């Protein structure tokens, strides 16, 4: 990886989670995956709703390990 990209990644990782989520959304949309990954209207609405919840701080982002640990505590 080039130094420029590494520096950019470091700067981006210092952004707030909602800002990083928005940036990730913009970057993914720029890759034009629509041809390879057709999504139903329902999934598009779900994705949009979840992104909006992140943008407005309505939901808490968790690392996968933490989410699984919470599920285990609750259901096992």
Protein backbone atom coordinates (compact mmCIF):
# COMPACT_ATOMS: atom_id res chain seq x y z
CA UNK A 1 0.00 0.00 0.00
CA UNK A 2 1.32 3.43 -0.78
CA UNK A 3 2.15 5.91 1.94
CA UNK A 4 -0.50 8.29 0.61
CA UNK A 5 -3.22 5.66 0.98
CA UNK A 6 -1.96 4.65 4.42
CA UNK A 7 -2.05 8.28 5.54
CA UNK A 8 -5.56 8.69 4.17
CA UNK A 9 -6.72 5.51 5.94
CA UNK A 10 -5.28 6.75 9.24
CA UNK A 11 -7.08 10.08 8.87
CA UNK A 12 -10.37 8.42 7.93
CA UNK A 13 -10.20 6.03 10.89
CA UNK A 14 -10.10 9.03 13.23
CA UNK A 15 -13.52 10.18 11.98
CA UNK A 16 -16.65 9.42 13.99
CA UNK A 17 -18.39 6.09 13.26
CA UNK A 18 -21.38 7.75 11.55
CA UNK A 19 -19.05 9.79 9.34
CA UNK A 20 -17.04 6.68 8.43
CA UNK A 21 -20.29 4.82 7.65
CA UNK A 22 -21.37 7.63 5.33
CA UNK A 23 -17.97 7.66 3.63
CA UNK A 24 -18.08 3.88 3.22
CA UNK A 25 -21.52 4.15 1.66
CA UNK A 26 -20.34 6.79 -0.81
CA UNK A 27 -17.26 4.75 -1.73
CA UNK A 28 -19.24 1.54 -2.22
CA UNK A 29 -21.80 3.32 -4.36
CA UNK A 30 -18.96 4.68 -6.49
CA UNK A 31 -17.89 1.14 -7.36
CA UNK A 32 -21.17 0.54 -9.20
CA UNK A 33 -21.94 -2.93 -7.88
CA UNK A 34 -25.49 -2.78 -9.16
CA UNK A 35 -24.78 -5.05 -12.12
CA UNK A 36 -23.25 -7.83 -10.03
CA UNK A 37 -25.41 -7.47 -6.93
CA UNK A 38 -28.97 -6.63 -7.81
CA UNK A 39 -30.88 -5.66 -4.67
CA UNK A 40 -34.62 -5.72 -4.24
CA UNK A 41 -36.44 -2.50 -3.42
CA UNK A 42 -36.98 -3.84 0.11
CA UNK A 43 -33.25 -4.30 0.70
CA UNK A 44 -32.53 -0.86 -0.75
CA UNK A 45 -35.02 0.67 1.73
CA UNK A 46 -33.51 -1.32 4.61
CA UNK A 47 -29.98 -0.20 3.73
CA UNK A 48 -31.07 3.42 3.40
CA UNK A 49 -32.91 3.29 6.72
CA UNK A 50 -29.93 1.79 8.54
CA UNK A 51 -27.54 4.34 7.06
CA UNK A 52 -29.86 7.15 8.15
CA UNK A 53 -30.03 5.68 11.68
CA UNK A 54 -26.24 5.68 11.79
CA UNK A 55 -26.05 9.23 10.46
CA UNK A 56 -28.46 10.45 13.15
CA UNK A 57 -26.81 8.53 16.00
CA UNK A 58 -29.95 6.46 16.61
CA UNK A 59 -28.11 3.14 16.76
CA UNK A 60 -24.92 1.94 18.41
CA UNK A 61 -22.19 0.40 16.29
CA UNK A 62 -20.56 -2.67 17.80
CA UNK A 63 -17.60 -4.75 16.78
CA UNK A 64 -18.68 -8.20 15.64
CA UNK A 65 -17.00 -9.85 18.62
CA UNK A 66 -18.86 -7.63 21.07
CA UNK A 67 -22.19 -8.19 19.35
CA UNK A 68 -21.70 -11.96 19.48
CA UNK A 69 -20.67 -11.78 23.15
CA UNK A 70 -23.86 -9.85 23.98
CA UNK A 71 -25.97 -12.40 22.12
CA UNK A 72 -24.29 -15.27 23.97
CA UNK A 73 -24.91 -13.57 27.33
CA UNK A 74 -28.57 -13.08 26.49
CA UNK A 75 -29.42 -16.40 24.86
CA UNK A 76 -26.97 -19.00 26.15
